[in-house]
Protein backbone atom coordinates (compact mmCIF):
# COMPACT_ATOMS: atom_id res chain seq x y z
CA MET A 1 113.15 97.79 153.14
CA PHE A 2 109.42 97.58 153.68
CA ARG A 3 108.38 95.24 156.47
CA MET A 4 104.84 94.31 157.30
CA ALA A 5 103.90 95.14 160.86
CA PRO A 6 103.56 92.08 163.11
CA ASN A 7 99.91 92.76 163.86
CA ARG A 8 99.14 93.10 160.11
CA MET A 9 100.96 89.82 159.43
CA ALA A 10 98.90 88.17 162.11
CA GLN A 11 95.70 89.58 160.63
CA THR A 12 96.65 88.29 157.15
CA HIS A 13 97.42 84.82 158.52
CA ASP A 14 94.18 84.80 160.51
CA SER A 15 92.20 85.87 157.44
CA SER A 16 93.75 83.10 155.33
CA SER A 17 93.11 80.52 158.03
CA HIS A 18 89.54 81.77 158.41
CA SER A 19 88.89 81.45 154.65
CA ARG A 20 90.38 77.96 154.63
CA SER A 21 88.25 76.92 157.59
CA LEU A 22 85.11 78.28 155.95
CA LEU A 23 85.81 76.20 152.83
CA LYS A 24 86.88 73.23 155.00
CA LEU A 25 90.05 72.76 152.97
CA PRO A 26 92.76 70.41 154.30
CA SER A 27 96.14 71.86 155.20
CA ASP A 28 97.68 70.03 152.21
CA SER A 29 94.89 71.00 149.77
CA ALA A 30 95.48 70.05 146.13
CA ILE A 31 94.47 73.54 145.03
CA GLY A 32 97.97 74.88 145.73
CA HIS A 33 99.95 71.87 144.51
CA VAL A 34 101.45 71.88 141.00
CA ARG A 35 101.55 68.09 140.54
CA ALA A 36 97.93 67.75 141.63
CA HIS A 37 96.93 70.33 139.03
CA LEU A 38 98.98 68.50 136.40
CA ARG A 39 97.17 65.25 137.16
CA LEU A 40 93.77 66.95 136.93
CA TRP A 41 94.32 69.03 133.80
CA VAL A 42 96.41 66.53 131.79
CA VAL A 43 93.70 63.86 132.19
CA THR A 44 91.05 66.46 131.35
CA GLY A 45 92.91 67.64 128.23
CA VAL A 46 93.68 64.15 126.90
CA PHE A 47 90.14 62.82 127.21
CA LEU A 48 88.48 66.07 126.11
CA GLY A 49 90.68 66.09 123.00
CA ALA A 50 89.91 62.42 122.32
CA ASP A 51 86.18 63.07 122.71
CA LEU A 52 86.02 66.06 120.36
CA TRP A 53 88.28 64.43 117.76
CA THR A 54 86.32 61.16 117.65
CA LYS A 55 83.00 63.05 117.40
CA ALA A 56 84.28 65.07 114.45
CA TRP A 57 85.60 61.87 112.85
CA ALA A 58 82.26 60.10 113.30
CA VAL A 59 80.20 62.93 111.76
CA ARG A 60 82.65 63.29 108.87
CA THR A 61 83.18 59.58 108.14
CA LEU A 62 80.23 57.41 109.20
CA PRO A 63 77.27 57.03 106.82
CA VAL A 64 73.99 58.73 107.68
CA GLU A 65 72.06 55.46 107.71
CA ASN A 66 73.67 52.06 108.17
CA PRO A 67 71.29 49.45 109.62
CA ASP A 68 74.00 46.77 109.72
CA PRO A 69 77.34 48.42 110.56
CA PRO A 70 80.50 46.33 111.03
CA THR A 71 81.38 45.40 114.61
CA TYR A 72 84.70 45.62 116.42
CA LEU A 73 86.43 44.07 119.46
CA PHE A 74 84.93 40.58 118.98
CA GLY A 75 81.52 41.97 118.08
CA LEU A 76 81.13 44.08 121.21
CA PHE A 77 80.89 47.51 119.56
CA SER A 78 79.81 49.17 116.35
CA PHE A 79 80.01 52.75 115.12
CA ARG A 80 76.93 54.62 113.91
CA ARG A 81 75.93 58.28 113.69
CA SER A 82 73.44 59.46 116.28
CA PHE A 83 72.46 62.89 117.59
CA ASN A 84 71.26 63.00 121.17
CA THR A 85 69.03 65.80 122.48
CA GLY A 86 69.15 64.47 126.04
CA ALA A 87 71.81 64.01 128.71
CA LEU A 88 74.00 61.01 129.49
CA PHE A 89 73.09 58.04 127.25
CA GLY A 90 70.07 59.87 125.79
CA LEU A 91 68.20 60.40 129.06
CA GLY A 92 66.04 63.51 129.43
CA GLU A 93 65.46 64.20 125.75
CA GLY A 94 64.67 67.79 124.82
CA LEU A 95 65.99 69.48 127.97
CA SER A 96 69.20 70.86 126.45
CA SER A 97 69.14 74.24 128.24
CA VAL A 98 68.56 72.55 131.59
CA PHE A 99 71.53 70.26 131.00
CA ILE A 100 73.79 73.20 130.10
CA VAL A 101 73.04 74.84 133.46
CA ALA A 102 73.42 71.50 135.28
CA SER A 103 76.77 70.89 133.55
CA LEU A 104 78.10 74.30 134.64
CA LEU A 105 77.05 73.63 138.25
CA ALA A 106 78.67 70.20 138.08
CA LEU A 107 81.94 71.75 136.89
CA VAL A 108 81.96 74.13 139.87
CA PHE A 109 81.27 71.20 142.22
CA VAL A 110 84.08 69.12 140.71
CA LEU A 111 86.56 71.97 141.23
CA TYR A 112 85.35 72.31 144.83
CA ILE A 113 85.98 68.59 145.43
CA PHE A 114 89.46 69.03 143.94
CA ALA A 115 90.17 71.93 146.32
CA CYS A 116 88.96 69.84 149.28
CA SER A 117 91.15 66.88 148.34
CA SER A 118 94.66 66.20 149.58
CA ARG A 119 97.54 66.64 147.18
CA ARG A 120 98.33 62.93 147.68
CA GLN A 121 94.94 61.68 146.43
CA TRP A 122 96.08 61.18 142.85
CA THR A 123 93.33 58.66 141.98
CA MET A 124 90.71 61.24 142.95
CA HIS A 125 92.42 63.87 140.80
CA ALA A 126 92.43 61.50 137.81
CA ALA A 127 88.74 60.69 138.38
CA LEU A 128 87.88 64.39 138.58
CA GLY A 129 89.81 64.94 135.35
CA LEU A 130 87.69 62.27 133.64
CA ILE A 131 84.49 63.88 134.93
CA LEU A 132 85.62 67.32 133.78
CA ALA A 133 86.50 65.99 130.32
CA GLY A 134 83.15 64.27 129.95
CA ALA A 135 81.14 67.25 131.16
CA LEU A 136 83.07 69.73 129.00
CA GLY A 137 82.88 67.51 125.91
CA ASN A 138 79.10 67.20 125.98
CA LEU A 139 78.68 70.82 127.13
CA TYR A 140 80.64 71.94 124.07
CA ASP A 141 78.26 70.02 121.80
CA ARG A 142 75.12 71.37 123.44
CA ALA A 143 76.41 74.94 123.18
CA THR A 144 77.75 74.77 119.60
CA CYS A 145 75.91 71.97 117.73
CA THR A 146 72.39 73.13 116.93
CA ALA A 147 70.18 70.97 114.73
CA HIS A 148 66.55 71.27 113.66
CA LEU A 149 64.21 68.65 115.08
CA VAL A 150 61.67 68.26 112.28
CA THR A 151 58.42 66.49 113.20
CA PHE A 152 56.69 65.07 110.15
CA LYS A 153 52.92 64.62 110.17
CA ALA A 154 51.33 61.19 110.33
CA ASN A 155 50.06 61.39 106.76
CA SER A 156 53.54 62.10 105.36
CA PRO A 157 55.59 59.25 103.84
CA GLY A 158 57.07 57.28 106.73
CA GLY A 159 55.49 59.59 109.35
CA PRO A 160 55.00 60.44 112.09
CA VAL A 161 58.74 60.70 112.76
CA VAL A 162 61.16 63.24 114.19
CA GLY A 163 64.29 63.84 112.16
CA THR A 164 67.51 65.55 113.19
CA MET A 165 67.85 67.80 110.17
CA GLU A 166 69.39 71.02 108.91
CA VAL A 167 67.06 73.59 107.40
CA VAL A 168 68.75 75.28 104.44
CA GLY A 169 67.36 78.77 104.00
CA ASP A 170 64.02 79.97 105.34
CA PRO A 171 62.32 77.47 107.70
CA HIS A 172 58.95 79.07 106.85
CA ALA A 173 59.32 78.60 103.10
CA ASP A 174 57.24 76.17 101.10
CA PRO A 175 58.79 73.81 100.24
CA VAL A 176 61.30 73.62 103.09
CA LEU A 177 64.83 72.62 102.07
CA LEU A 178 66.03 69.84 104.40
CA ARG A 179 69.12 67.70 104.64
CA ASN A 180 70.59 65.41 107.28
CA TRP A 181 72.42 67.39 109.93
CA GLY A 182 76.21 67.37 109.73
CA THR A 183 76.36 66.51 106.01
CA ASP A 184 77.06 68.39 102.80
CA GLU A 185 74.43 66.54 100.81
CA ASP A 186 72.02 68.41 98.54
CA PRO A 187 68.91 69.62 100.41
CA VAL A 188 65.61 67.93 99.60
CA PRO A 189 62.52 70.13 98.97
CA THR A 190 59.84 69.02 101.46
CA PRO A 191 56.24 70.28 101.16
CA ARG A 192 55.28 72.39 104.13
CA HIS A 193 52.02 70.50 104.72
CA GLN A 194 54.02 67.36 105.56
CA ILE A 195 55.76 69.07 108.46
CA ALA A 196 54.13 69.49 111.88
CA SER A 197 56.88 71.52 113.54
CA ILE A 198 60.51 72.61 113.30
CA LYS A 199 62.45 73.23 116.50
CA ALA A 200 66.09 74.32 116.89
CA GLN A 201 67.76 72.15 119.52
CA GLY A 202 71.28 71.62 120.83
CA VAL A 203 72.48 68.07 120.20
CA VAL A 204 75.32 65.84 121.36
CA ARG A 205 77.19 63.77 118.78
CA ASP A 206 77.14 60.05 119.66
CA PHE A 207 78.57 57.15 117.67
CA ILE A 208 79.45 54.11 119.85
CA LYS A 209 76.92 51.26 120.16
CA PHE A 210 77.29 48.34 122.57
CA GLU A 211 76.04 45.35 120.57
CA PRO A 212 75.71 42.24 122.83
CA GLN A 213 72.24 40.87 123.48
CA VAL A 214 70.85 38.56 126.16
CA PHE A 215 67.91 36.36 125.15
CA GLY A 216 67.31 38.64 122.19
CA TYR A 217 67.28 41.84 124.28
CA GLU A 218 69.87 44.57 123.96
CA VAL A 219 72.14 44.88 126.98
CA TRP A 220 72.55 48.62 126.32
CA ARG A 221 70.32 50.26 123.73
CA TRP A 222 71.75 53.79 123.82
CA VAL A 223 74.43 55.14 121.50
CA PHE A 224 77.15 57.01 123.39
CA ASN A 225 80.50 58.76 123.00
CA VAL A 226 83.91 59.08 124.66
CA ALA A 227 82.62 61.84 126.98
CA ASP A 228 79.93 59.50 128.34
CA VAL A 229 82.55 56.82 129.00
CA ALA A 230 84.84 59.31 130.76
CA LEU A 231 81.98 60.56 132.95
CA THR A 232 80.88 57.04 133.89
CA VAL A 233 84.38 55.78 134.71
CA GLY A 234 85.24 58.98 136.60
CA VAL A 235 82.11 58.86 138.76
CA ALA A 236 82.68 55.14 139.45
CA ILE A 237 86.28 55.76 140.59
CA LEU A 238 85.13 58.71 142.71
CA LEU A 239 82.42 56.64 144.45
CA ILE A 240 84.88 53.82 145.16
CA HIS A 241 87.34 56.37 146.54
CA PHE A 242 84.70 57.91 148.82
CA TRP A 243 83.63 54.47 150.03
CA THR A 244 87.16 53.26 150.83
CA ASP A 245 88.07 56.60 152.44
CA ARG A 246 84.98 56.54 154.64
CA LYS A 247 85.66 52.94 155.62
CA ALA A 248 89.25 53.81 156.55
CA SER A 249 88.09 56.86 158.56
CA ALA A 250 85.56 54.72 160.44
CA GLY A 251 88.30 52.22 161.26
CA ARG A 252 90.57 54.97 162.63
CA ALA A 253 87.75 56.46 164.68
CA ALA A 254 86.75 53.16 166.31
CA PRO A 255 87.60 53.21 170.06
CA LYS A 256 90.42 50.91 171.13
CA PRO A 257 89.75 48.57 174.07
CA PRO A 258 91.78 49.30 177.21
CA GLU A 259 94.91 47.27 177.77
CA GLY A 260 94.22 43.98 179.48
CA ALA A 261 90.52 44.05 178.56
CA PRO A 262 89.18 40.80 177.01
CA VAL A 263 88.70 40.98 173.27
């Protein structure tokens, strides 16, 4: 039977320990624990599936324009179609490629945090699963959902406006055949002189609107989706976890007064 030489075994152990020390992984790292992986990937799969399914439902079911949609949950929310060219809650409009790269880097960082966590930190694993689901859900949209941002000139009817459209056929034709993105409606011939520019852009499908107002002002004006909610909740749980963990570590590190010393 083959047996590894003692010095080779020692070298292998030293190499593994050296790699672990370089990555600063705890001895009970979650990266090698099955239940920790289950917590991470089950939460990721459930919320990613919910995000993609609800987005598809919204694009397929909700009307293109509905200025007064019905509200739900005691008037707190409404559903309306919206296509976002920015990041979380519409911030950073038009920087889709930048957000794709940032999302990929964030995914690597989340997996690194998971590897650095203890297998017992199940709340952290759930939070990381929420963040992964949110990042992957919106990354999927940016990579696969490409619309045409059509800027209409000021002298066109209703202009100047930017519409999230689909160009049917040649975008350089005159007239240009346009229809609302994500629909099967008949395209509308639009004279070329009414259009200032047409730009292909990755979009994120949003459909949830928070309706309450305070003194006539919207509490939250952006339309969002399940991925945005998962990201926000996951980051909030992660920050609370870091804060409580740091507070506990500071308490353990505080020097104890010598016995008999006045307190």
